[in-house]
Amino acid sequence: MKYDPKHLGVMYDMLRQLPPFDKWGLPGSEWVTFELPKRKDVLGEFIESSDGAKPHRIKISAVSHDHLFSVLQTLAHEMLHLVQAVHKTNNTAQHNADFRKRARAVCKEYGWDYKFFVGS
């Protein structure tokens, strides 16, 4: 599948308007920078803005995804990290109780495999 950062922004805005994301106060795509690194060691990555002035960053590996479905799942996963940054519920545990609760809600809504989604 060929896609670019602009496509990720469109997918992000679509997801943020759908349940359960629509209840979590996510910023619009203009407040997030989307990147497509050619990394095989990770599917995606969220980098929180260090000062609040710069946009947050979501990276989706350009070489680890061949299908739209996996891109959407990885993007949704990284969006949960963004939700945690917005609500200050993130901590040193990458997938803490708040993350897992939100992940369960996402997986239930879309019929996704929870263990795959959280990476366990």
PDB file of N, CA and C in Angstrom:
ATOM      1  N   MET A   1       0.843  -1.176   0.000  1.00  0.00           N
ATOM      2  CA  MET A   1       0.000   0.000   0.000  1.00  0.00           C
ATOM      3  C   MET A   1       0.888   1.239   0.000  1.00  0.00           C
ATOM      4  N   LYS A   2       0.617   2.155  -0.873  1.00  0.00           N
ATOM      5  CA  LYS A   2       1.351   3.415  -0.933  1.00  0.00           C
ATOM      6  C   LYS A   2       0.544   4.492  -0.218  1.00  0.00           C
ATOM      7  N   TYR A   3       1.156   5.153   0.728  1.00  0.00           N
ATOM      8  CA  TYR A   3       0.500   6.242   1.432  1.00  0.00           C
ATOM      9  C   TYR A   3       1.565   7.222   1.884  1.00  0.00           C
ATOM     10  N   ASP A   4       1.122   8.433   2.234  1.00  0.00           N
ATOM     11  CA  ASP A   4       2.059   9.464   2.663  1.00  0.00           C
ATOM     12  C   ASP A   4       1.546  10.092   3.961  1.00  0.00           C
ATOM     13  N   PRO A   5       2.315  11.002   4.564  1.00  0.00           N
ATOM     14  CA  PRO A   5       1.878  11.597   5.831  1.00  0.00           C
ATOM     15  C   PRO A   5       0.507  12.271   5.760  1.00  0.00           C
ATOM     16  N   LYS A   6       0.165  12.849   4.617  1.00  0.00           N
ATOM     17  CA  LYS A   6      -1.146  13.473   4.470  1.00  0.00           C
ATOM     18  C   LYS A   6      -2.256  12.439   4.629  1.00  0.00           C
ATOM     19  N   HIS A   7      -2.054  11.247   4.081  1.00  0.00           N
ATOM     20  CA  HIS A   7      -3.043  10.173   4.231  1.00  0.00           C
ATOM     21  C   HIS A   7      -3.206   9.782   5.701  1.00  0.00           C
ATOM     22  N   LEU A   8      -2.094   9.739   6.429  1.00  0.00           N
ATOM     23  CA  LEU A   8      -2.177   9.416   7.859  1.00  0.00           C
ATOM     24  C   LEU A   8      -3.004  10.460   8.593  1.00  0.00           C
ATOM     25  N   GLY A   9      -2.850  11.729   8.223  1.00  0.00           N
ATOM     26  CA  GLY A   9      -3.642  12.791   8.835  1.00  0.00           C
ATOM     27  C   GLY A   9      -5.122  12.617   8.583  1.00  0.00           C
ATOM     28  N   VAL A  10      -5.487  12.207   7.371  1.00  0.00           N
ATOM     29  CA  VAL A  10      -6.894  11.961   7.023  1.00  0.00           C
ATOM     30  C   VAL A  10      -7.432  10.784   7.841  1.00  0.00           C
ATOM     31  N   MET A  11      -6.645   9.712   7.934  1.00  0.00           N
ATOM     32  CA  MET A  11      -7.068   8.539   8.728  1.00  0.00           C
ATOM     33  C   MET A  11      -7.215   8.917  10.197  1.00  0.00           C
ATOM     34  N   TYR A  12      -6.282   9.707  10.700  1.00  0.00           N
ATOM     35  CA  TYR A  12      -6.319  10.165  12.086  1.00  0.00           C
ATOM     36  C   TYR A  12      -7.610  10.950  12.340  1.00  0.00           C
ATOM     37  N   ASP A  13      -7.914  11.919  11.460  1.00  0.00           N
ATOM     38  CA  ASP A  13      -9.127  12.725  11.657  1.00  0.00           C
ATOM     39  C   ASP A  13     -10.391  11.876  11.558  1.00  0.00           C
ATOM     40  N   MET A  14     -10.373  10.863  10.700  1.00  0.00           N
ATOM     41  CA  MET A  14     -11.518   9.958  10.617  1.00  0.00           C
ATOM     42  C   MET A  14     -11.707   9.236  11.953  1.00  0.00           C
ATOM     43  N   LEU A  15     -10.629   8.631  12.460  1.00  0.00           N
ATOM     44  CA  LEU A  15     -10.731   7.891  13.720  1.00  0.00           C
ATOM     45  C   LEU A  15     -11.145   8.802  14.876  1.00  0.00           C
ATOM     46  N   ARG A  16     -10.614  10.020  14.927  1.00  0.00           N
ATOM     47  CA  ARG A  16     -10.924  10.895  16.065  1.00  0.00           C
ATOM     48  C   ARG A  16     -12.375  11.350  16.081  1.00  0.00           C
ATOM     49  N   GLN A  17     -13.068  11.188  14.962  1.00  0.00           N
ATOM     50  CA  GLN A  17     -14.488  11.540  14.893  1.00  0.00           C
ATOM     51  C   GLN A  17     -15.399  10.351  15.171  1.00  0.00           C
ATOM     52  N   LEU A  18     -14.808   9.164  15.307  1.00  0.00           N
ATOM     53  CA  LEU A  18     -15.578   7.948  15.555  1.00  0.00           C
ATOM     54  C   LEU A  18     -15.438   7.530  17.015  1.00  0.00           C
ATOM     55  N   PRO A  19     -16.451   6.776  17.530  1.00  0.00           N
ATOM     56  CA  PRO A  19     -16.315   6.270  18.891  1.00  0.00           C
ATOM     57  C   PRO A  19     -15.202   5.231  18.974  1.00  0.00           C
ATOM     58  N   PRO A  20     -14.566   5.098  20.087  1.00  0.00           N
ATOM     59  CA  PRO A  20     -14.687   5.918  21.290  1.00  0.00           C
ATOM     60  C   PRO A  20     -13.789   7.158  21.274  1.00  0.00           C
ATOM     61  N   PHE A  21     -12.988   7.322  20.215  1.00  0.00           N
ATOM     62  CA  PHE A  21     -12.042   8.445  20.149  1.00  0.00           C
ATOM     63  C   PHE A  21     -12.740   9.801  20.252  1.00  0.00           C
ATOM     64  N   ASP A  22     -13.968   9.898  19.753  1.00  0.00           N
ATOM     65  CA  ASP A  22     -14.671  11.180  19.724  1.00  0.00           C
ATOM     66  C   ASP A  22     -14.993  11.719  21.116  1.00  0.00           C
ATOM     67  N   LYS A  23     -14.862  10.880  22.123  1.00  0.00           N
ATOM     68  CA  LYS A  23     -15.143  11.307  23.503  1.00  0.00           C
ATOM     69  C   LYS A  23     -13.882  11.731  24.259  1.00  0.00           C
ATOM     70  N   TRP A  24     -12.714  11.626  23.623  1.00  0.00           N
ATOM     71  CA  TRP A  24     -11.458  11.784  24.357  1.00  0.00           C
ATOM     72  C   TRP A  24     -10.706  13.086  24.100  1.00  0.00           C
ATOM     73  N   GLY A  25     -11.296  14.003  23.368  1.00  0.00           N
ATOM     74  CA  GLY A  25     -10.701  15.331  23.213  1.00  0.00           C
ATOM     75  C   GLY A  25      -9.364  15.366  22.493  1.00  0.00           C
ATOM     76  N   LEU A  26      -9.228  14.545  21.467  1.00  0.00           N
ATOM     77  CA  LEU A  26      -7.976  14.548  20.701  1.00  0.00           C
ATOM     78  C   LEU A  26      -7.853  15.817  19.860  1.00  0.00           C
ATOM     79  N   PRO A  27      -6.645  16.347  19.720  1.00  0.00           N
ATOM     80  CA  PRO A  27      -6.459  17.519  18.860  1.00  0.00           C
ATOM     81  C   PRO A  27      -6.632  17.140  17.390  1.00  0.00           C
ATOM     82  N   GLY A  28      -6.948  18.121  16.554  1.00  0.00           N
ATOM     83  CA  GLY A  28      -7.048  17.884  15.121  1.00  0.00           C
ATOM     84  C   GLY A  28      -5.699  17.538  14.524  1.00  0.00           C
ATOM     85  N   SER A  29      -5.723  17.013  13.329  1.00  0.00           N
ATOM     86  CA  SER A  29      -4.478  16.568  12.681  1.00  0.00           C
ATOM     87  C   SER A  29      -3.487  17.700  12.472  1.00  0.00           C
ATOM     88  N   GLU A  30      -3.960  18.932  12.453  1.00  0.00           N
ATOM     89  CA  GLU A  30      -3.025  20.056  12.296  1.00  0.00           C
ATOM     90  C   GLU A  30      -2.099  20.223  13.502  1.00  0.00           C
ATOM     91  N   TRP A  31      -2.412  19.570  14.608  1.00  0.00           N
ATOM     92  CA  TRP A  31      -1.589  19.634  15.818  1.00  0.00           C
ATOM     93  C   TRP A  31      -0.710  18.400  15.987  1.00  0.00           C
ATOM     94  N   VAL A  32      -0.680  17.566  14.955  1.00  0.00           N
ATOM     95  CA  VAL A  32       0.120  16.336  14.992  1.00  0.00           C
ATOM     96  C   VAL A  32       0.949  16.269  13.716  1.00  0.00           C
ATOM     97  N   THR A  33       2.205  15.927  13.845  1.00  0.00           N
ATOM     98  CA  THR A  33       3.056  15.683  12.685  1.00  0.00           C
ATOM     99  C   THR A  33       3.081  14.180  12.445  1.00  0.00           C
ATOM    100  N   PHE A  34       2.861  13.780  11.206  1.00  0.00           N
ATOM    101  CA  PHE A  34       2.852  12.364  10.846  1.00  0.00           C
ATOM    102  C   PHE A  34       4.096  12.058  10.026  1.00  0.00           C
ATOM    103  N   GLU A  35       4.757  10.960  10.381  1.00  0.00           N
ATOM    104  CA  GLU A  35       5.992  10.565   9.707  1.00  0.00           C
ATOM    105  C   GLU A  35       5.917   9.096   9.314  1.00  0.00           C
ATOM    106  N   LEU A  36       6.656   8.763   8.275  1.00  0.00           N
ATOM    107  CA  LEU A  36       6.699   7.387   7.758  1.00  0.00           C
ATOM    108  C   LEU A  36       8.147   6.899   7.686  1.00  0.00           C
ATOM    109  N   PRO A  37       8.742   6.599   8.833  1.00  0.00           N
ATOM    110  CA  PRO A  37      10.124   6.107   8.796  1.00  0.00           C
ATOM    111  C   PRO A  37      10.199   4.708   8.192  1.00  0.00           C
ATOM    112  N   LYS A  38      11.331   4.381   7.651  1.00  0.00           N
ATOM    113  CA  LYS A  38      11.540   3.041   7.072  1.00  0.00           C
ATOM    114  C   LYS A  38      12.226   2.165   8.107  1.00  0.00           C
ATOM    115  N   ARG A  39      11.482   1.862   9.177  1.00  0.00           N
ATOM    116  CA  ARG A  39      12.009   1.053  10.268  1.00  0.00           C
ATOM    117  C   ARG A  39      11.268  -0.274  10.309  1.00  0.00           C
ATOM    118  N   LYS A  40      12.029  -1.336  10.478  1.00  0.00           N
ATOM    119  CA  LYS A  40      11.422  -2.665  10.592  1.00  0.00           C
ATOM    120  C   LYS A  40      11.276  -3.109  12.041  1.00  0.00           C
ATOM    121  N   ASP A  41      11.907  -2.382  12.974  1.00  0.00           N
ATOM    122  CA  ASP A  41      11.918  -2.808  14.369  1.00  0.00           C
ATOM    123  C   ASP A  41      10.687  -2.355  15.157  1.00  0.00           C
ATOM    124  N   VAL A  42       9.891  -1.441  14.609  1.00  0.00           N
ATOM    125  CA  VAL A  42       8.665  -0.995  15.277  1.00  0.00           C
ATOM    126  C   VAL A  42       7.559  -0.822  14.239  1.00  0.00           C
ATOM    127  N   LEU A  43       6.315  -0.995  14.683  1.00  0.00           N
ATOM    128  CA  LEU A  43       5.179  -0.740  13.796  1.00  0.00           C
ATOM    129  C   LEU A  43       4.815   0.738  13.809  1.00  0.00           C
ATOM    130  N   GLY A  44       4.879   1.344  14.994  1.00  0.00           N
ATOM    131  CA  GLY A  44       4.539   2.752  15.143  1.00  0.00           C
ATOM    132  C   GLY A  44       5.161   3.314  16.396  1.00  0.00           C
ATOM    133  N   GLU A  45       5.079   4.634  16.520  1.00  0.00           N
ATOM    134  CA  GLU A  45       5.690   5.304  17.671  1.00  0.00           C
ATOM    135  C   GLU A  45       4.989   6.643  17.878  1.00  0.00           C
ATOM    136  N   PHE A  46       4.788   7.004  19.147  1.00  0.00           N
ATOM    137  CA  PHE A  46       4.250   8.313  19.510  1.00  0.00           C
ATOM    138  C   PHE A  46       5.329   9.080  20.250  1.00  0.00           C
ATOM    139  N   ILE A  47       5.510  10.336  19.874  1.00  0.00           N
ATOM    140  CA  ILE A  47       6.472  11.203  20.559  1.00  0.00           C
ATOM    141  C   ILE A  47       5.713  12.445  21.020  1.00  0.00           C
ATOM    142  N   GLU A  48       5.654  12.604  22.336  1.00  0.00           N
ATOM    143  CA  GLU A  48       4.930  13.723  22.927  1.00  0.00           C
ATOM    144  C   GLU A  48       5.682  15.030  22.700  1.00  0.00           C
ATOM    145  N   SER A  49       4.924  16.090  22.455  1.00  0.00           N
ATOM    146  CA  SER A  49       5.525  17.415  22.336  1.00  0.00           C
ATOM    147  C   SER A  49       6.227  17.754  23.645  1.00  0.00           C
ATOM    148  N   SER A  50       7.447  18.240  23.536  1.00  0.00           N
ATOM    149  CA  SER A  50       8.222  18.523  24.747  1.00  0.00           C
ATOM    150  C   SER A  50       7.828  19.840  25.402  1.00  0.00           C
ATOM    151  N   ASP A  51       7.247  20.758  24.632  1.00  0.00           N
ATOM    152  CA  ASP A  51       6.955  22.076  25.206  1.00  0.00           C
ATOM    153  C   ASP A  51       5.524  22.551  24.976  1.00  0.00           C
ATOM    154  N   GLY A  52       4.709  21.774  24.315  1.00  0.00           N
ATOM    155  CA  GLY A  52       3.335  22.173  24.048  1.00  0.00           C
ATOM    156  C   GLY A  52       3.182  23.091  22.845  1.00  0.00           C
ATOM    157  N   ALA A  53       4.262  23.698  22.402  1.00  0.00           N
ATOM    158  CA  ALA A  53       4.197  24.585  21.238  1.00  0.00           C
ATOM    159  C   ALA A  53       4.385  23.800  19.943  1.00  0.00           C
ATOM    160  N   LYS A  54       5.245  22.804  19.993  1.00  0.00           N
ATOM    161  CA  LYS A  54       5.463  21.958  18.821  1.00  0.00           C
ATOM    162  C   LYS A  54       4.375  20.897  18.762  1.00  0.00           C
ATOM    163  N   PRO A  55       4.070  20.432  17.562  1.00  0.00           N
ATOM    164  CA  PRO A  55       3.065  19.356  17.492  1.00  0.00           C
ATOM    165  C   PRO A  55       3.610  18.034  18.032  1.00  0.00           C
ATOM    166  N   HIS A  56       2.679  17.205  18.486  1.00  0.00           N
ATOM    167  CA  HIS A  56       3.031  15.828  18.821  1.00  0.00           C
ATOM    168  C   HIS A  56       3.410  15.134  17.517  1.00  0.00           C
ATOM    169  N   ARG A  57       4.089  14.000  17.632  1.00  0.00           N
ATOM    170  CA  ARG A  57       4.485  13.256  16.432  1.00  0.00           C
ATOM    171  C   ARG A  57       3.993  11.823  16.528  1.00  0.00           C
ATOM    172  N   ILE A  58       3.438  11.339  15.425  1.00  0.00           N
ATOM    173  CA  ILE A  58       3.070   9.933  15.294  1.00  0.00           C
ATOM    174  C   ILE A  58       3.825   9.393  14.092  1.00  0.00           C
ATOM    175  N   LYS A  59       4.553   8.319  14.338  1.00  0.00           N
ATOM    176  CA  LYS A  59       5.304   7.666  13.270  1.00  0.00           C
ATOM    177  C   LYS A  59       4.688   6.296  13.009  1.00  0.00           C
ATOM    178  N   ILE A  60       4.465   5.999  11.743  1.00  0.00           N
ATOM    179  CA  ILE A  60       3.969   4.694  11.322  1.00  0.00           C
ATOM    180  C   ILE A  60       4.994   4.135  10.346  1.00  0.00           C
ATOM    181  N   SER A  61       5.519   2.964  10.646  1.00  0.00           N
ATOM    182  CA  SER A  61       6.557   2.386   9.798  1.00  0.00           C
ATOM    183  C   SER A  61       6.052   2.178   8.368  1.00  0.00           C
ATOM    184  N   ALA A  62       6.811   2.722   7.421  1.00  0.00           N
ATOM    185  CA  ALA A  62       6.445   2.589   6.002  1.00  0.00           C
ATOM    186  C   ALA A  62       6.751   1.202   5.453  1.00  0.00           C
ATOM    187  N   VAL A  63       7.585   0.442   6.156  1.00  0.00           N
ATOM    188  CA  VAL A  63       7.982  -0.871   5.636  1.00  0.00           C
ATOM    189  C   VAL A  63       7.350  -2.039   6.394  1.00  0.00           C
ATOM    190  N   SER A  64       6.624  -1.757   7.457  1.00  0.00           N
ATOM    191  CA  SER A  64       6.035  -2.835   8.263  1.00  0.00           C
ATOM    192  C   SER A  64       4.558  -3.052   7.988  1.00  0.00           C
ATOM    193  N   HIS A  65       3.988  -2.277   7.080  1.00  0.00           N
ATOM    194  CA  HIS A  65       2.551  -2.374   6.792  1.00  0.00           C
ATOM    195  C   HIS A  65       2.326  -2.535   5.302  1.00  0.00           C
ATOM    196  N   ASP A  66       1.546  -3.547   4.946  1.00  0.00           N
ATOM    197  CA  ASP A  66       1.169  -3.764   3.552  1.00  0.00           C
ATOM    198  C   ASP A  66      -0.315  -3.509   3.312  1.00  0.00           C
ATOM    199  N   HIS A  67      -1.089  -3.338   4.391  1.00  0.00           N
ATOM    200  CA  HIS A  67      -2.535  -3.238   4.243  1.00  0.00           C
ATOM    201  C   HIS A  67      -3.082  -2.080   5.072  1.00  0.00           C
ATOM    202  N   LEU A  68      -4.145  -1.484   4.584  1.00  0.00           N
ATOM    203  CA  LEU A  68      -4.799  -0.379   5.271  1.00  0.00           C
ATOM    204  C   LEU A  68      -5.215  -0.763   6.690  1.00  0.00           C
ATOM    205  N   PHE A  69      -5.701  -1.987   6.847  1.00  0.00           N
ATOM    206  CA  PHE A  69      -6.174  -2.455   8.151  1.00  0.00           C
ATOM    207  C   PHE A  69      -5.072  -2.347   9.208  1.00  0.00           C
ATOM    208  N   SER A  70      -3.882  -2.798   8.900  1.00  0.00           N
ATOM    209  CA  SER A  70      -2.803  -2.754   9.892  1.00  0.00           C
ATOM    210  C   SER A  70      -2.341  -1.318  10.143  1.00  0.00           C
ATOM    211  N   VAL A  71      -2.387  -0.478   9.112  1.00  0.00           N
ATOM    212  CA  VAL A  71      -2.042   0.944   9.301  1.00  0.00           C
ATOM    213  C   VAL A  71      -3.040   1.574  10.271  1.00  0.00           C
ATOM    214  N   LEU A  72      -4.327   1.324  10.070  1.00  0.00           N
ATOM    215  CA  LEU A  72      -5.354   1.887  10.957  1.00  0.00           C
ATOM    216  C   LEU A  72      -5.201   1.403  12.388  1.00  0.00           C
ATOM    217  N   GLN A  73      -4.914   0.118  12.562  1.00  0.00           N
ATOM    218  CA  GLN A  73      -4.743  -0.405  13.920  1.00  0.00           C
ATOM    219  C   GLN A  73      -3.528   0.222  14.606  1.00  0.00           C
ATOM    220  N   THR A  74      -2.440   0.341  13.887  1.00  0.00           N
ATOM    221  CA  THR A  74      -1.246   0.935  14.483  1.00  0.00           C
ATOM    222  C   THR A  74      -1.470   2.407  14.781  1.00  0.00           C
ATOM    223  N   LEU A  75      -2.110   3.114  13.875  1.00  0.00           N
ATOM    224  CA  LEU A  75      -2.423   4.520  14.109  1.00  0.00           C
ATOM    225  C   LEU A  75      -3.322   4.671  15.333  1.00  0.00           C
ATOM    226  N   ALA A  76      -4.343   3.833  15.449  1.00  0.00           N
ATOM    227  CA  ALA A  76      -5.239   3.881  16.611  1.00  0.00           C
ATOM    228  C   ALA A  76      -4.468   3.616  17.903  1.00  0.00           C
ATOM    229  N   HIS A  77      -3.552   2.673  17.873  1.00  0.00           N
ATOM    230  CA  HIS A  77      -2.720   2.373  19.040  1.00  0.00           C
ATOM    231  C   HIS A  77      -1.920   3.615  19.448  1.00  0.00           C
ATOM    232  N   GLU A  78      -1.286   4.248  18.478  1.00  0.00           N
ATOM    233  CA  GLU A  78      -0.483   5.434  18.792  1.00  0.00           C
ATOM    234  C   GLU A  78      -1.361   6.592  19.248  1.00  0.00           C
ATOM    235  N   MET A  79      -2.593   6.641  18.746  1.00  0.00           N
ATOM    236  CA  MET A  79      -3.529   7.676  19.192  1.00  0.00           C
ATOM    237  C   MET A  79      -3.872   7.518  20.667  1.00  0.00           C
ATOM    238  N   LEU A  80      -3.859   6.295  21.178  1.00  0.00           N
ATOM    239  CA  LEU A  80      -4.101   6.105  22.611  1.00  0.00           C
ATOM    240  C   LEU A  80      -2.977   6.714  23.437  1.00  0.00           C
ATOM    241  N   HIS A  81      -1.750   6.618  22.940  1.00  0.00           N
ATOM    242  CA  HIS A  81      -0.640   7.280  23.634  1.00  0.00           C
ATOM    243  C   HIS A  81      -0.831   8.798  23.610  1.00  0.00           C
ATOM    244  N   LEU A  82      -1.348   9.329  22.507  1.00  0.00           N
ATOM    245  CA  LEU A  82      -1.637  10.757  22.413  1.00  0.00           C
ATOM    246  C   LEU A  82      -2.752  11.150  23.382  1.00  0.00           C
ATOM    247  N   VAL A  83      -3.800  10.333  23.472  1.00  0.00           N
ATOM    248  CA  VAL A  83      -4.879  10.594  24.438  1.00  0.00           C
ATOM    249  C   VAL A  83      -4.293  10.694  25.835  1.00  0.00           C
ATOM    250  N   GLN A  84      -3.400   9.782  26.163  1.00  0.00           N
ATOM    251  CA  GLN A  84      -2.790   9.802  27.494  1.00  0.00           C
ATOM    252  C   GLN A  84      -1.954  11.062  27.715  1.00  0.00           C
ATOM    253  N   ALA A  85      -1.260  11.508  26.692  1.00  0.00           N
ATOM    254  CA  ALA A  85      -0.473  12.738  26.823  1.00  0.00           C
ATOM    255  C   ALA A  85      -1.392  13.943  27.036  1.00  0.00           C
ATOM    256  N   VAL A  86      -2.491  13.986  26.298  1.00  0.00           N
ATOM    257  CA  VAL A  86      -3.447  15.094  26.425  1.00  0.00           C
ATOM    258  C   VAL A  86      -4.057  15.122  27.822  1.00  0.00           C
ATOM    259  N   HIS A  87      -4.403  13.954  28.355  1.00  0.00           N
ATOM    260  CA  HIS A  87      -5.067  13.870  29.655  1.00  0.00           C
ATOM    261  C   HIS A  87      -4.104  13.645  30.817  1.00  0.00           C
ATOM    262  N   LYS A  88      -2.811  13.619  30.504  1.00  0.00           N
ATOM    263  CA  LYS A  88      -1.765  13.434  31.532  1.00  0.00           C
ATOM    264  C   LYS A  88      -1.960  12.150  32.330  1.00  0.00           C
ATOM    265  N   THR A  89      -2.347  11.084  31.637  1.00  0.00           N
ATOM    266  CA  THR A  89      -2.513   9.787  32.299  1.00  0.00           C
ATOM    267  C   THR A  89      -1.390   8.825  31.923  1.00  0.00           C
ATOM    268  N   ASN A  90      -0.411   9.336  31.167  1.00  0.00           N
ATOM    269  CA  ASN A  90       0.736   8.490  30.829  1.00  0.00           C
ATOM    270  C   ASN A  90       1.732   8.528  31.981  1.00  0.00           C
ATOM    271  N   ASN A  91       2.488   7.465  32.097  1.00  0.00           N
ATOM    272  CA  ASN A  91       3.527   7.403  33.122  1.00  0.00           C
ATOM    273  C   ASN A  91       4.652   6.529  32.580  1.00  0.00           C
ATOM    274  N   THR A  92       5.516   6.074  33.452  1.00  0.00           N
ATOM    275  CA  THR A  92       6.659   5.294  32.979  1.00  0.00           C
ATOM    276  C   THR A  92       6.243   3.928  32.428  1.00  0.00           C
ATOM    277  N   ALA A  93       5.083   3.421  32.834  1.00  0.00           N
ATOM    278  CA  ALA A  93       4.579   2.163  32.275  1.00  0.00           C
ATOM    279  C   ALA A  93       3.945   2.477  30.928  1.00  0.00           C
ATOM    280  N   GLN A  94       4.514   1.973  29.867  1.00  0.00           N
ATOM    281  CA  GLN A  94       4.056   2.339  28.526  1.00  0.00           C
ATOM    282  C   GLN A  94       2.596   1.999  28.292  1.00  0.00           C
ATOM    283  N   HIS A  95       2.160   0.836  28.742  1.00  0.00           N
ATOM    284  CA  HIS A  95       0.767   0.427  28.580  1.00  0.00           C
ATOM    285  C   HIS A  95       0.159   0.229  29.965  1.00  0.00           C
ATOM    286  N   ASN A  96      -0.106   1.343  30.623  1.00  0.00           N
ATOM    287  CA  ASN A  96      -0.637   1.304  31.986  1.00  0.00           C
ATOM    288  C   ASN A  96      -2.130   0.976  31.981  1.00  0.00           C
ATOM    289  N   ALA A  97      -2.748   1.017  33.150  1.00  0.00           N
ATOM    290  CA  ALA A  97      -4.160   0.633  33.277  1.00  0.00           C
ATOM    291  C   ALA A  97      -5.070   1.525  32.429  1.00  0.00           C
ATOM    292  N   ASP A  98      -4.791   2.821  32.383  1.00  0.00           N
ATOM    293  CA  ASP A  98      -5.596   3.727  31.568  1.00  0.00           C
ATOM    294  C   ASP A  98      -5.491   3.348  30.090  1.00  0.00           C
ATOM    295  N   PHE A  99      -4.283   3.081  29.612  1.00  0.00           N
ATOM    296  CA  PHE A  99      -4.084   2.676  28.227  1.00  0.00           C
ATOM    297  C   PHE A  99      -4.865   1.397  27.929  1.00  0.00           C
ATOM    298  N   ARG A 100      -4.740   0.411  28.811  1.00  0.00           N
ATOM    299  CA  ARG A 100      -5.408  -0.876  28.582  1.00  0.00           C
ATOM    300  C   ARG A 100      -6.931  -0.730  28.576  1.00  0.00           C
ATOM    301  N   LYS A 101      -7.461   0.119  29.446  1.00  0.00           N
ATOM    302  CA  LYS A 101      -8.911   0.358  29.492  1.00  0.00           C
ATOM    303  C   LYS A 101      -9.377   0.973  28.172  1.00  0.00           C
ATOM    304  N   ARG A 102      -8.655   1.966  27.699  1.00  0.00           N
ATOM    305  CA  ARG A 102      -9.025   2.607  26.434  1.00  0.00           C
ATOM    306  C   ARG A 102      -8.848   1.628  25.264  1.00  0.00           C
ATOM    307  N   ALA A 103      -7.794   0.825  25.317  1.00  0.00           N
ATOM    308  CA  ALA A 103      -7.554  -0.162  24.262  1.00  0.00           C
ATOM    309  C   ALA A 103      -8.699  -1.171  24.198  1.00  0.00           C
ATOM    310  N   ARG A 104      -9.192  -1.589  25.351  1.00  0.00           N
ATOM    311  CA  ARG A 104     -10.331  -2.513  25.369  1.00  0.00           C
ATOM    312  C   ARG A 104     -11.555  -1.885  24.710  1.00  0.00           C
ATOM    313  N   ALA A 105     -11.780  -0.598  24.989  1.00  0.00           N
ATOM    314  CA  ALA A 105     -12.924   0.103  24.395  1.00  0.00           C
ATOM    315  C   ALA A 105     -12.793   0.175  22.875  1.00  0.00           C
ATOM    316  N   VAL A 106     -11.594   0.477  22.379  1.00  0.00           N
ATOM    317  CA  VAL A 106     -11.350   0.551  20.932  1.00  0.00           C
ATOM    318  C   VAL A 106     -11.566  -0.823  20.304  1.00  0.00           C
ATOM    319  N   CYS A 107     -10.970  -1.838  20.902  1.00  0.00           N
ATOM    320  CA  CYS A 107     -11.062  -3.190  20.336  1.00  0.00           C
ATOM    321  C   CYS A 107     -12.495  -3.709  20.355  1.00  0.00           C
ATOM    322  N   LYS A 108     -13.232  -3.399  21.404  1.00  0.00           N
ATOM    323  CA  LYS A 108     -14.633  -3.813  21.463  1.00  0.00           C
ATOM    324  C   LYS A 108     -15.436  -3.113  20.372  1.00  0.00           C
ATOM    325  N   GLU A 109     -15.198  -1.825  20.191  1.00  0.00           N
ATOM    326  CA  GLU A 109     -15.938  -1.038  19.186  1.00  0.00           C
ATOM    327  C   GLU A 109     -15.715  -1.570  17.773  1.00  0.00           C
ATOM    328  N   TYR A 110     -14.480  -1.968  17.468  1.00  0.00           N
ATOM    329  CA  TYR A 110     -14.131  -2.334  16.093  1.00  0.00           C
ATOM    330  C   TYR A 110     -13.925  -3.831  15.881  1.00  0.00           C
ATOM    331  N   GLY A 111     -14.104  -4.632  16.931  1.00  0.00           N
ATOM    332  CA  GLY A 111     -13.946  -6.073  16.789  1.00  0.00           C
ATOM    333  C   GLY A 111     -12.498  -6.483  16.562  1.00  0.00           C
ATOM    334  N   TRP A 112     -11.574  -5.714  17.136  1.00  0.00           N
ATOM    335  CA  TRP A 112     -10.146  -5.992  16.961  1.00  0.00           C
ATOM    336  C   TRP A 112      -9.636  -6.883  18.080  1.00  0.00           C
ATOM    337  N   ASP A 113      -8.562  -7.587  17.816  1.00  0.00           N
ATOM    338  CA  ASP A 113      -7.916  -8.477  18.776  1.00  0.00           C
ATOM    339  C   ASP A 113      -7.143  -7.636  19.796  1.00  0.00           C
ATOM    340  N   TYR A 114      -7.613  -7.661  21.046  1.00  0.00           N
ATOM    341  CA  TYR A 114      -7.004  -6.841  22.097  1.00  0.00           C
ATOM    342  C   TYR A 114      -5.525  -7.157  22.301  1.00  0.00           C
ATOM    343  N   LYS A 115      -5.173  -8.446  22.383  1.00  0.00           N
ATOM    344  CA  LYS A 115      -3.778  -8.806  22.640  1.00  0.00           C
ATOM    345  C   LYS A 115      -2.870  -8.331  21.513  1.00  0.00           C
ATOM    346  N   PHE A 116      -3.315  -8.445  20.288  1.00  0.00           N
ATOM    347  CA  PHE A 116      -2.532  -7.947  19.164  1.00  0.00           C
ATOM    348  C   PHE A 116      -2.419  -6.422  19.231  1.00  0.00           C
ATOM    349  N   PHE A 117      -3.545  -5.770  19.552  1.00  0.00           N
ATOM    350  CA  PHE A 117      -3.597  -4.311  19.568  1.00  0.00           C
ATOM    351  C   PHE A 117      -2.632  -3.709  20.587  1.00  0.00           C
ATOM    352  N   VAL A 118      -2.550  -4.307  21.769  1.00  0.00           N
ATOM    353  CA  VAL A 118      -1.655  -3.759  22.791  1.00  0.00           C
ATOM    354  C   VAL A 118      -0.238  -4.306  22.666  1.00  0.00           C
ATOM    355  N   GLY A 119      -0.071  -5.285  21.821  1.00  0.00           N
ATOM    356  CA  GLY A 119       1.277  -5.805  21.600  1.00  0.00           C
ATOM    357  C   GLY A 119       1.731  -6.839  22.608  1.00  0.00           C
ATOM    358  N   SER A 120       0.785  -7.545  23.207  1.00  0.00           N
ATOM    359  CA  SER A 120       1.183  -8.578  24.172  1.00  0.00           C
ATOM    360  C   SER A 120       0.859  -9.953  23.659  1.00  0.00           C
TER     361      SER A 120
END
